[in-house]
Amino acid sequence: MPGKTMQQLQADVDTWIQGPGGGYWSPHVNLARIAEEVGELARLINHLYGPKPKKPEEAPQELGEELADILFVLICVANSEGIDLEASLQQVLDKVWKRDLNRFKPVH
């Protein structure tokens, strides 16, 4: 996967979904999946940086994997809706560069 464009990643997800993945789920189901994955990310961040340590019997988790789980479902939604995420992300980057260029203080 390293070095792939978002369009290539979207194509990879589509290939999997159309084959062993069994097809795209409805937008409502994918929204529920996103909420579930964001909840898992929130729990992990609370374990890593918050006041709630993991229980000894809980399986280890990786922050990158939890973020990628969310991205996978977002790609599924984009694919099922015919959205080019690379183009959409570029629009957002252009927007924040214009809107927020002088909004925040530099972090040192």
Protein backbone atom coordinates (compact mmCIF):
# COMPACT_ATOMS: atom_id res chain seq x y z
CA MET A 1 0.00 0.00 0.00
CA PRO A 2 2.79 2.55 0.53
CA GLY A 3 2.91 5.14 -2.20
CA LYS A 4 -0.62 4.53 -3.48
CA THR A 5 -2.90 7.40 -4.32
CA MET A 6 -6.30 7.74 -2.71
CA GLN A 7 -7.85 6.73 -6.04
CA GLN A 8 -5.79 3.53 -6.03
CA LEU A 9 -6.82 2.83 -2.43
CA GLN A 10 -10.44 3.40 -3.37
CA ALA A 11 -10.01 0.92 -6.24
CA ASP A 12 -8.41 -1.63 -3.88
CA VAL A 13 -11.30 -1.33 -1.43
CA ASP A 14 -13.81 -1.64 -4.29
CA THR A 15 -12.12 -4.82 -5.54
CA TRP A 16 -12.35 -6.34 -2.08
CA ILE A 17 -15.93 -5.20 -1.46
CA GLN A 18 -17.12 -6.48 -4.84
CA GLY A 19 -15.46 -9.85 -4.17
CA PRO A 20 -14.98 -11.36 -0.72
CA GLY A 21 -16.57 -8.33 0.99
CA GLY A 22 -19.99 -9.24 -0.37
CA GLY A 23 -20.96 -5.80 -1.70
CA TYR A 24 -21.45 -2.38 -0.24
CA TRP A 25 -23.64 -1.89 2.79
CA SER A 26 -26.29 0.83 2.98
CA PRO A 27 -25.30 4.35 4.06
CA HIS A 28 -27.04 3.84 7.41
CA VAL A 29 -25.08 0.67 8.14
CA ASN A 30 -21.82 2.35 7.15
CA LEU A 31 -22.64 5.33 9.37
CA ALA A 32 -23.14 2.91 12.27
CA ARG A 33 -19.78 1.29 11.39
CA ILE A 34 -18.08 4.71 11.40
CA ALA A 35 -19.57 5.50 14.81
CA GLU A 36 -18.41 2.13 16.13
CA GLU A 37 -14.87 2.62 14.82
CA VAL A 38 -14.67 6.20 16.15
CA GLY A 39 -15.76 4.84 19.52
CA GLU A 40 -12.91 2.33 19.42
CA LEU A 41 -10.49 5.15 18.56
CA ALA A 42 -11.84 7.27 21.42
CA ARG A 43 -11.43 4.39 23.86
CA LEU A 44 -7.85 3.79 22.75
CA ILE A 45 -6.93 7.47 22.99
CA ASN A 46 -8.41 7.53 26.48
CA HIS A 47 -6.25 4.50 27.35
CA LEU A 48 -3.12 6.06 25.89
CA TYR A 49 -3.51 9.67 27.02
CA GLY A 50 -6.43 9.86 29.42
CA PRO A 51 -7.20 8.77 32.93
CA LYS A 52 -8.56 5.33 32.04
CA PRO A 53 -5.83 2.70 31.65
CA LYS A 54 -6.50 -0.53 29.78
CA LYS A 55 -7.54 -3.55 31.79
CA PRO A 56 -4.82 -6.20 31.85
CA GLU A 57 -7.02 -8.68 29.98
CA GLU A 58 -7.82 -6.25 27.13
CA ALA A 59 -6.15 -6.92 23.79
CA PRO A 60 -3.56 -4.40 22.66
CA GLN A 61 -4.60 -1.94 19.97
CA GLU A 62 -2.64 0.29 17.62
CA LEU A 63 -3.60 3.89 16.97
CA GLY A 64 -2.75 3.63 13.27
CA GLU A 65 -4.94 0.57 12.83
CA GLU A 66 -7.89 2.25 14.52
CA LEU A 67 -7.50 5.30 12.26
CA ALA A 68 -7.24 3.01 9.22
CA ASP A 69 -10.43 1.17 10.26
CA ILE A 70 -12.26 4.51 10.10
CA LEU A 71 -10.64 5.37 6.77
CA PHE A 72 -11.69 1.99 5.33
CA VAL A 73 -15.34 2.63 6.13
CA LEU A 74 -15.10 6.21 4.84
CA ILE A 75 -13.71 4.85 1.57
CA CYS A 76 -16.61 2.38 1.43
CA VAL A 77 -19.09 5.26 1.78
CA ALA A 78 -17.26 7.32 -0.84
CA ASN A 79 -17.15 4.41 -3.27
CA SER A 80 -20.80 3.54 -2.82
CA GLU A 81 -21.72 7.20 -3.42
CA GLY A 82 -19.35 7.67 -6.40
CA ILE A 83 -17.16 10.21 -4.59
CA ASP A 84 -13.52 10.80 -5.55
CA LEU A 85 -11.97 11.24 -2.10
CA GLU A 86 -8.69 12.54 -3.50
CA ALA A 87 -10.48 15.41 -5.25
CA SER A 88 -12.69 16.07 -2.22
CA LEU A 89 -9.73 16.12 0.15
CA GLN A 90 -7.88 18.53 -2.14
CA GLN A 91 -10.90 20.86 -2.03
CA VAL A 92 -10.86 20.75 1.77
CA LEU A 93 -7.12 21.43 1.89
CA ASP A 94 -7.54 24.40 -0.44
CA LYS A 95 -10.38 25.68 1.74
CA VAL A 96 -8.49 25.47 5.03
CA TRP A 97 -5.34 27.02 3.53
CA LYS A 98 -7.38 30.05 2.49
CA ARG A 99 -9.67 30.24 5.51
CA ASP A 100 -7.25 29.40 8.31
CA LEU A 101 -3.83 30.51 7.03
CA ASN A 102 -3.37 33.06 9.84
CA ARG A 103 -5.90 31.71 12.31
CA PHE A 104 -3.68 29.65 14.60
CA LYS A 105 -0.46 30.45 16.38
CA PRO A 106 2.58 28.41 15.28
CA VAL A 107 3.42 25.43 17.46
CA HIS A 108 7.06 25.24 18.50
